[in-house]
PDB file of N, CA and C in Angstrom:
ATOM      1  N   UNK A   1     -76.416  77.719 136.006  1.00  0.00           N
ATOM      2  CA  UNK A   1     -75.378  78.676 135.755  1.00  0.00           C
ATOM      3  C   UNK A   1     -74.160  77.832 135.158  1.00  0.00           C
ATOM      4  N   UNK A   2     -73.582  78.589 134.147  1.00  0.00           N
ATOM      5  CA  UNK A   2     -72.398  78.007 133.498  1.00  0.00           C
ATOM      6  C   UNK A   2     -71.064  78.381 134.074  1.00  0.00           C
ATOM      7  N   UNK A   3     -70.086  77.640 133.840  1.00  0.00           N
ATOM      8  CA  UNK A   3     -68.738  77.898 134.439  1.00  0.00           C
ATOM      9  C   UNK A   3     -68.256  79.348 133.786  1.00  0.00           C
ATOM     10  N   UNK A   4     -68.546  79.564 132.658  1.00  0.00           N
ATOM     11  CA  UNK A   4     -68.107  80.849 132.043  1.00  0.00           C
ATOM     12  C   UNK A   4     -68.824  81.970 132.819  1.00  0.00           C
ATOM     13  N   UNK A   5     -69.944  81.881 133.330  1.00  0.00           N
ATOM     14  CA  UNK A   5     -70.647  82.831 134.073  1.00  0.00           C
ATOM     15  C   UNK A   5     -69.979  83.029 135.471  1.00  0.00           C
ATOM     16  N   UNK A   6     -69.513  81.943 136.045  1.00  0.00           N
ATOM     17  CA  UNK A   6     -68.857  82.031 137.376  1.00  0.00           C
ATOM     18  C   UNK A   6     -67.461  82.802 137.172  1.00  0.00           C
ATOM     19  N   UNK A   7     -66.808  82.497 136.037  1.00  0.00           N
ATOM     20  CA  UNK A   7     -65.482  83.042 135.804  1.00  0.00           C
ATOM     21  C   UNK A   7     -65.526  84.533 135.623  1.00  0.00           C
ATOM     22  N   UNK A   8     -66.678  85.210 135.274  1.00  0.00           N
ATOM     23  CA  UNK A   8     -66.770  86.508 135.116  1.00  0.00           C
ATOM     24  C   UNK A   8     -66.910  87.347 136.440  1.00  0.00           C
ATOM     25  N   UNK A   9     -67.242  86.620 137.503  1.00  0.00           N
ATOM     26  CA  UNK A   9     -67.397  87.133 138.750  1.00  0.00           C
ATOM     27  C   UNK A   9     -66.140  87.352 139.629  1.00  0.00           C
ATOM     28  N   UNK A  10     -66.068  88.480 140.380  1.00  0.00           N
ATOM     29  CA  UNK A  10     -64.794  88.596 141.225  1.00  0.00           C
ATOM     30  C   UNK A  10     -65.111  87.806 142.618  1.00  0.00           C
ATOM     31  N   UNK A  11     -64.081  87.241 143.140  1.00  0.00           N
ATOM     32  CA  UNK A  11     -64.170  86.562 144.382  1.00  0.00           C
ATOM     33  C   UNK A  11     -63.776  87.515 145.431  1.00  0.00           C
ATOM     34  N   UNK A  12     -64.567  87.710 146.544  1.00  0.00           N
ATOM     35  CA  UNK A  12     -64.357  88.621 147.548  1.00  0.00           C
ATOM     36  C   UNK A  12     -64.438  88.039 148.929  1.00  0.00           C
ATOM     37  N   UNK A  13     -63.430  88.329 149.839  1.00  0.00           N
ATOM     38  CA  UNK A  13     -63.445  87.796 151.137  1.00  0.00           C
ATOM     39  C   UNK A  13     -64.471  88.590 152.023  1.00  0.00           C
ATOM     40  N   UNK A  14     -65.299  87.885 152.675  1.00  0.00           N
ATOM     41  CA  UNK A  14     -66.233  88.688 153.576  1.00  0.00           C
ATOM     42  C   UNK A  14     -65.507  89.117 154.907  1.00  0.00           C
ATOM     43  N   UNK A  15     -64.393  88.528 155.197  1.00  0.00           N
ATOM     44  CA  UNK A  15     -63.684  88.810 156.482  1.00  0.00           C
ATOM     45  C   UNK A  15     -62.995  90.296 156.432  1.00  0.00           C
ATOM     46  N   UNK A  16     -62.566  90.582 155.250  1.00  0.00           N
ATOM     47  CA  UNK A  16     -61.826  91.926 155.031  1.00  0.00           C
ATOM     48  C   UNK A  16     -62.193  92.673 153.881  1.00  0.00           C
ATOM     49  N   UNK A  17     -63.091  92.123 153.016  1.00  0.00           N
ATOM     50  CA  UNK A  17     -63.548  92.857 151.811  1.00  0.00           C
ATOM     51  C   UNK A  17     -62.522  92.819 150.702  1.00  0.00           C
ATOM     52  N   UNK A  18     -61.432  92.040 150.895  1.00  0.00           N
ATOM     53  CA  UNK A  18     -60.461  92.070 149.842  1.00  0.00           C
ATOM     54  C   UNK A  18     -60.844  91.240 148.631  1.00  0.00           C
ATOM     55  N   UNK A  19     -60.537  91.803 147.414  1.00  0.00           N
ATOM     56  CA  UNK A  19     -60.850  91.055 146.179  1.00  0.00           C
ATOM     57  C   UNK A  19     -59.664  90.050 145.972  1.00  0.00           C
ATOM     58  N   UNK A  20     -60.035  88.801 145.941  1.00  0.00           N
ATOM     59  CA  UNK A  20     -59.048  87.696 145.726  1.00  0.00           C
ATOM     60  C   UNK A  20     -58.728  87.469 144.306  1.00  0.00           C
ATOM     61  N   UNK A  21     -59.728  87.756 143.352  1.00  0.00           N
ATOM     62  CA  UNK A  21     -59.378  87.554 141.959  1.00  0.00           C
ATOM     63  C   UNK A  21     -60.531  86.792 141.402  1.00  0.00           C
ATOM     64  N   UNK A  22     -60.345  86.628 139.942  1.00  0.00           N
ATOM     65  CA  UNK A  22     -61.403  85.826 139.370  1.00  0.00           C
ATOM     66  C   UNK A  22     -61.163  84.333 139.481  1.00  0.00           C
ATOM     67  N   UNK A  23     -62.206  83.517 139.205  1.00  0.00           N
ATOM     68  CA  UNK A  23     -62.052  82.091 139.167  1.00  0.00           C
ATOM     69  C   UNK A  23     -61.344  81.726 137.952  1.00  0.00           C
ATOM     70  N   UNK A  24     -60.299  80.933 138.071  1.00  0.00           N
ATOM     71  CA  UNK A  24     -59.651  80.438 136.853  1.00  0.00           C
ATOM     72  C   UNK A  24     -59.986  79.016 136.504  1.00  0.00           C
ATOM     73  N   UNK A  25     -60.524  78.252 137.502  1.00  0.00           N
ATOM     74  CA  UNK A  25     -60.879  76.818 137.278  1.00  0.00           C
ATOM     75  C   UNK A  25     -61.781  76.341 138.466  1.00  0.00           C
ATOM     76  N   UNK A  26     -62.318  75.198 138.313  1.00  0.00           N
ATOM     77  CA  UNK A  26     -63.061  74.626 139.263  1.00  0.00           C
ATOM     78  C   UNK A  26     -62.588  73.161 139.411  1.00  0.00           C
ATOM     79  N   UNK A  27     -62.900  72.487 140.681  1.00  0.00           N
ATOM     80  CA  UNK A  27     -62.508  71.146 140.828  1.00  0.00           C
ATOM     81  C   UNK A  27     -63.767  70.483 141.174  1.00  0.00           C
ATOM     82  N   UNK A  28     -64.039  69.402 140.235  1.00  0.00           N
ATOM     83  CA  UNK A  28     -65.274  68.631 140.278  1.00  0.00           C
ATOM     84  C   UNK A  28     -65.038  67.220 140.689  1.00  0.00           C
ATOM     85  N   UNK A  29     -65.860  66.682 141.597  1.00  0.00           N
ATOM     86  CA  UNK A  29     -65.680  65.348 141.996  1.00  0.00           C
ATOM     87  C   UNK A  29     -66.487  64.511 140.828  1.00  0.00           C
ATOM     88  N   UNK A  30     -65.744  63.775 140.141  1.00  0.00           N
ATOM     89  CA  UNK A  30     -66.271  63.001 138.939  1.00  0.00           C
ATOM     90  C   UNK A  30     -67.296  61.869 139.379  1.00  0.00           C
ATOM     91  N   UNK A  31     -67.194  61.395 140.601  1.00  0.00           N
ATOM     92  CA  UNK A  31     -68.097  60.413 141.034  1.00  0.00           C
ATOM     93  C   UNK A  31     -69.422  60.906 141.406  1.00  0.00           C
ATOM     94  N   UNK A  32     -69.487  62.128 141.985  1.00  0.00           N
ATOM     95  CA  UNK A  32     -70.725  62.767 142.397  1.00  0.00           C
ATOM     96  C   UNK A  32     -71.272  63.834 141.556  1.00  0.00           C
ATOM     97  N   UNK A  33     -70.342  64.373 140.679  1.00  0.00           N
ATOM     98  CA  UNK A  33     -70.734  65.445 139.857  1.00  0.00           C
ATOM     99  C   UNK A  33     -70.795  66.805 140.515  1.00  0.00           C
ATOM    100  N   UNK A  34     -70.387  66.823 141.774  1.00  0.00           N
ATOM    101  CA  UNK A  34     -70.431  68.083 142.576  1.00  0.00           C
ATOM    102  C   UNK A  34     -69.228  68.879 142.576  1.00  0.00           C
ATOM    103  N   UNK A  35     -69.340  70.208 142.637  1.00  0.00           N
ATOM    104  CA  UNK A  35     -68.176  71.016 142.618  1.00  0.00           C
ATOM    105  C   UNK A  35     -67.516  70.919 144.004  1.00  0.00           C
ATOM    106  N   UNK A  36     -66.216  70.623 144.098  1.00  0.00           N
ATOM    107  CA  UNK A  36     -65.478  70.505 145.382  1.00  0.00           C
ATOM    108  C   UNK A  36     -64.916  71.784 145.899  1.00  0.00           C
ATOM    109  N   UNK A  37     -64.366  72.589 144.862  1.00  0.00           N
ATOM    110  CA  UNK A  37     -63.668  73.856 145.112  1.00  0.00           C
ATOM    111  C   UNK A  37     -63.534  74.676 143.914  1.00  0.00           C
ATOM    112  N   UNK A  38     -63.268  75.984 144.288  1.00  0.00           N
ATOM    113  CA  UNK A  38     -62.941  76.967 143.109  1.00  0.00           C
ATOM    114  C   UNK A  38     -61.507  77.234 143.116  1.00  0.00           C
ATOM    115  N   UNK A  39     -60.940  77.543 142.053  1.00  0.00           N
ATOM    116  CA  UNK A  39     -59.570  77.829 142.032  1.00  0.00           C
ATOM    117  C   UNK A  39     -59.348  79.256 141.496  1.00  0.00           C
ATOM    118  N   UNK A  40     -58.600  80.025 142.181  1.00  0.00           N
ATOM    119  CA  UNK A  40     -58.395  81.471 141.851  1.00  0.00           C
ATOM    120  C   UNK A  40     -56.933  81.625 141.527  1.00  0.00           C
ATOM    121  N   UNK A  41     -56.658  82.256 140.388  1.00  0.00           N
ATOM    122  CA  UNK A  41     -55.285  82.587 140.131  1.00  0.00           C
ATOM    123  C   UNK A  41     -54.744  83.717 141.009  1.00  0.00           C
ATOM    124  N   UNK A  42     -53.919  83.373 141.931  1.00  0.00           N
ATOM    125  CA  UNK A  42     -53.492  84.359 142.946  1.00  0.00           C
ATOM    126  C   UNK A  42     -52.260  85.122 142.334  1.00  0.00           C
ATOM    127  N   UNK A  43     -51.754  86.079 143.192  1.00  0.00           N
ATOM    128  CA  UNK A  43     -50.709  87.015 142.719  1.00  0.00           C
ATOM    129  C   UNK A  43     -49.288  86.470 143.117  1.00  0.00           C
ATOM    130  N   UNK A  44     -49.304  85.271 143.760  1.00  0.00           N
ATOM    131  CA  UNK A  44     -47.995  84.661 144.204  1.00  0.00           C
ATOM    132  C   UNK A  44     -47.541  84.994 145.503  1.00  0.00           C
ATOM    133  N   UNK A  45     -48.310  85.927 146.229  1.00  0.00           N
ATOM    134  CA  UNK A  45     -47.916  86.209 147.567  1.00  0.00           C
ATOM    135  C   UNK A  45     -48.647  85.391 148.555  1.00  0.00           C
ATOM    136  N   UNK A  46     -49.623  84.570 148.196  1.00  0.00           N
ATOM    137  CA  UNK A  46     -50.301  83.717 149.058  1.00  0.00           C
ATOM    138  C   UNK A  46     -49.532  82.482 149.440  1.00  0.00           C
ATOM    139  N   UNK A  47     -49.593  82.071 150.632  1.00  0.00           N
ATOM    140  CA  UNK A  47     -48.805  80.854 151.140  1.00  0.00           C
ATOM    141  C   UNK A  47     -49.782  79.972 151.988  1.00  0.00           C
ATOM    142  N   UNK A  48     -49.529  78.820 152.006  1.00  0.00           N
ATOM    143  CA  UNK A  48     -50.360  77.858 152.920  1.00  0.00           C
ATOM    144  C   UNK A  48     -50.817  76.724 152.131  1.00  0.00           C
ATOM    145  N   UNK A  49     -51.657  75.932 152.822  1.00  0.00           N
ATOM    146  CA  UNK A  49     -52.140  74.660 152.278  1.00  0.00           C
ATOM    147  C   UNK A  49     -53.044  74.868 151.055  1.00  0.00           C
ATOM    148  N   UNK A  50     -53.689  76.018 150.928  1.00  0.00           N
ATOM    149  CA  UNK A  50     -54.680  76.230 149.881  1.00  0.00           C
ATOM    150  C   UNK A  50     -54.094  76.852 148.612  1.00  0.00           C
ATOM    151  N   UNK A  51     -52.794  77.072 148.716  1.00  0.00           N
ATOM    152  CA  UNK A  51     -52.166  77.688 147.471  1.00  0.00           C
ATOM    153  C   UNK A  51     -51.114  76.728 146.821  1.00  0.00           C
ATOM    154  N   UNK A  52     -51.017  76.782 145.530  1.00  0.00           N
ATOM    155  CA  UNK A  52     -50.117  75.896 144.907  1.00  0.00           C
ATOM    156  C   UNK A  52     -49.722  76.649 143.576  1.00  0.00           C
ATOM    157  N   UNK A  53     -48.431  77.086 143.463  1.00  0.00           N
ATOM    158  CA  UNK A  53     -47.986  77.714 142.221  1.00  0.00           C
ATOM    159  C   UNK A  53     -48.788  78.985 141.873  1.00  0.00           C
ATOM    160  N   UNK A  54     -49.159  79.703 142.840  1.00  0.00           N
ATOM    161  CA  UNK A  54     -49.877  80.972 142.587  1.00  0.00           C
ATOM    162  C   UNK A  54     -51.348  80.755 142.554  1.00  0.00           C
ATOM    163  N   UNK A  55     -51.782  79.503 142.741  1.00  0.00           N
ATOM    164  CA  UNK A  55     -53.256  79.335 142.667  1.00  0.00           C
ATOM    165  C   UNK A  55     -53.815  79.245 144.168  1.00  0.00           C
ATOM    166  N   UNK A  56     -54.977  79.708 144.315  1.00  0.00           N
ATOM    167  CA  UNK A  56     -55.686  79.653 145.647  1.00  0.00           C
ATOM    168  C   UNK A  56     -56.898  78.792 145.467  1.00  0.00           C
ATOM    169  N   UNK A  57     -56.964  77.730 146.235  1.00  0.00           N
ATOM    170  CA  UNK A  57     -58.040  76.765 146.183  1.00  0.00           C
ATOM    171  C   UNK A  57     -59.058  76.984 147.350  1.00  0.00           C
ATOM    172  N   UNK A  58     -60.265  77.307 147.147  1.00  0.00           N
ATOM    173  CA  UNK A  58     -61.207  77.620 148.131  1.00  0.00           C
ATOM    174  C   UNK A  58     -62.290  76.578 148.141  1.00  0.00           C
ATOM    175  N   UNK A  59     -62.471  75.759 149.116  1.00  0.00           N
ATOM    176  CA  UNK A  59     -63.521  74.683 149.157  1.00  0.00           C
ATOM    177  C   UNK A  59     -64.825  75.290 148.950  1.00  0.00           C
ATOM    178  N   UNK A  60     -65.766  74.563 148.282  1.00  0.00           N
ATOM    179  CA  UNK A  60     -67.138  75.022 147.903  1.00  0.00           C
ATOM    180  C   UNK A  60     -67.824  75.394 149.116  1.00  0.00           C
ATOM    181  N   UNK A  61     -67.652  74.650 150.236  1.00  0.00           N
ATOM    182  CA  UNK A  61     -68.349  74.903 151.490  1.00  0.00           C
ATOM    183  C   UNK A  61     -68.070  76.279 152.103  1.00  0.00           C
ATOM    184  N   UNK A  62     -66.981  76.895 151.703  1.00  0.00           N
ATOM    185  CA  UNK A  62     -66.595  78.214 152.208  1.00  0.00           C
ATOM    186  C   UNK A  62     -67.152  79.373 151.392  1.00  0.00           C
ATOM    187  N   UNK A  63     -67.917  78.985 150.269  1.00  0.00           N
ATOM    188  CA  UNK A  63     -68.666  80.098 149.551  1.00  0.00           C
ATOM    189  C   UNK A  63     -69.885  80.483 150.261  1.00  0.00           C
ATOM    190  N   UNK A  64     -69.985  81.818 150.520  1.00  0.00           N
ATOM    191  CA  UNK A  64     -71.113  82.352 151.281  1.00  0.00           C
ATOM    192  C   UNK A  64     -72.352  82.652 150.372  1.00  0.00           C
ATOM    193  N   UNK A  65     -71.984  83.269 149.276  1.00  0.00           N
ATOM    194  CA  UNK A  65     -73.085  83.713 148.339  1.00  0.00           C
ATOM    195  C   UNK A  65     -72.498  83.938 146.967  1.00  0.00           C
ATOM    196  N   UNK A  66     -73.284  83.558 145.964  1.00  0.00           N
ATOM    197  CA  UNK A  66     -72.888  83.855 144.565  1.00  0.00           C
ATOM    198  C   UNK A  66     -73.967  84.971 144.143  1.00  0.00           C
ATOM    199  N   UNK A  67     -73.412  86.179 143.969  1.00  0.00           N
ATOM    200  CA  UNK A  67     -74.333  87.284 143.556  1.00  0.00           C
ATOM    201  C   UNK A  67     -74.177  87.511 142.044  1.00  0.00           C
ATOM    202  N   UNK A  68     -74.765  88.692 141.609  1.00  0.00           N
ATOM    203  CA  UNK A  68     -74.836  89.081 140.184  1.00  0.00           C
ATOM    204  C   UNK A  68     -73.364  89.348 139.727  1.00  0.00           C
ATOM    205  N   UNK A  69     -72.593  90.063 140.591  1.00  0.00           N
ATOM    206  CA  UNK A  69     -71.307  90.398 140.148  1.00  0.00           C
ATOM    207  C   UNK A  69     -70.109  89.855 140.943  1.00  0.00           C
ATOM    208  N   UNK A  70     -70.411  89.365 142.159  1.00  0.00           N
ATOM    209  CA  UNK A  70     -69.293  88.821 142.967  1.00  0.00           C
ATOM    210  C   UNK A  70     -69.686  87.582 143.613  1.00  0.00           C
ATOM    211  N   UNK A  71     -68.666  86.808 144.027  1.00  0.00           N
ATOM    212  CA  UNK A  71     -68.811  85.578 144.852  1.00  0.00           C
ATOM    213  C   UNK A  71     -68.209  85.841 146.137  1.00  0.00           C
ATOM    214  N   UNK A  72     -68.982  85.796 147.242  1.00  0.00           N
ATOM    215  CA  UNK A  72     -68.451  86.005 148.560  1.00  0.00           C
ATOM    216  C   UNK A  72     -68.083  84.759 149.245  1.00  0.00           C
ATOM    217  N   UNK A  73     -66.797  84.763 149.825  1.00  0.00           N
ATOM    218  CA  UNK A  73     -66.259  83.562 150.446  1.00  0.00           C
ATOM    219  C   UNK A  73     -65.872  83.945 151.908  1.00  0.00           C
ATOM    220  N   UNK A  74     -65.894  82.950 152.692  1.00  0.00           N
ATOM    221  CA  UNK A  74     -65.438  83.031 154.120  1.00  0.00           C
ATOM    222  C   UNK A  74     -63.981  83.314 154.131  1.00  0.00           C
ATOM    223  N   UNK A  75     -63.490  84.405 154.501  1.00  0.00           N
ATOM    224  CA  UNK A  75     -62.104  84.769 154.404  1.00  0.00           C
ATOM    225  C   UNK A  75     -61.301  84.456 155.712  1.00  0.00           C
ATOM    226  N   UNK A  76     -61.910  84.037 156.676  1.00  0.00           N
ATOM    227  CA  UNK A  76     -61.171  83.699 157.903  1.00  0.00           C
ATOM    228  C   UNK A  76     -60.249  82.552 157.745  1.00  0.00           C
ATOM    229  N   UNK A  77     -60.609  81.596 157.045  1.00  0.00           N
ATOM    230  CA  UNK A  77     -59.667  80.458 156.744  1.00  0.00           C
ATOM    231  C   UNK A  77     -58.393  80.992 156.010  1.00  0.00           C
ATOM    232  N   UNK A  78     -58.631  81.872 155.088  1.00  0.00           N
ATOM    233  CA  UNK A  78     -57.458  82.405 154.389  1.00  0.00           C
ATOM    234  C   UNK A  78     -56.587  83.306 155.241  1.00  0.00           C
ATOM    235  N   UNK A  79     -57.270  84.087 156.179  1.00  0.00           N
ATOM    236  CA  UNK A  79     -56.500  85.013 157.059  1.00  0.00           C
ATOM    237  C   UNK A  79     -55.773  84.173 158.087  1.00  0.00           C
ATOM    238  N   UNK A  80     -56.272  83.083 158.662  1.00  0.00           N
ATOM    239  CA  UNK A  80     -55.564  82.289 159.596  1.00  0.00           C
ATOM    240  C   UNK A  80     -54.271  81.642 159.035  1.00  0.00           C
ATOM    241  N   UNK A  81     -54.477  81.209 157.706  1.00  0.00           N
ATOM    242  CA  UNK A  81     -53.336  80.626 157.092  1.00  0.00           C
ATOM    243  C   UNK A  81     -52.203  81.697 156.690  1.00  0.00           C
ATOM    244  N   UNK A  82     -52.610  82.834 156.261  1.00  0.00           N
ATOM    245  CA  UNK A  82     -51.685  83.856 155.923  1.00  0.00           C
ATOM    246  C   UNK A  82     -50.975  84.320 157.160  1.00  0.00           C
ATOM    247  N   UNK A  83     -51.599  84.589 158.319  1.00  0.00           N
ATOM    248  CA  UNK A  83     -50.954  85.072 159.451  1.00  0.00           C
ATOM    249  C   UNK A  83     -50.047  84.053 160.095  1.00  0.00           C
ATOM    250  N   UNK A  84     -50.226  82.836 159.884  1.00  0.00           N
ATOM    251  CA  UNK A  84     -49.347  81.761 160.393  1.00  0.00           C
ATOM    252  C   UNK A  84     -48.061  81.543 159.673  1.00  0.00           C
ATOM    253  N   UNK A  85     -48.010  82.180 158.471  1.00  0.00           N
ATOM    254  CA  UNK A  85     -46.733  82.042 157.594  1.00  0.00           C
ATOM    255  C   UNK A  85     -45.727  83.084 157.893  1.00  0.00           C
TER     256      UNK A  85
END
């Protein structure tokens, strides 16, 4: 799968079914060649350790499934951080 194919998919939280947005970038570990996380361009309302300048960083381990049209992510981590702010 190519990065451009990933960028065409919507990222959706399995916790609440909310669409988080499309992938704007990925973070790759140059030593291992493995994807560390995906980066989503957020709407600016997200706060917490996973957001920076309107970007949401989701660790690769939190991806549940990559489907034909969507990427499902564990949303509980996002929810806990949002509720604590």
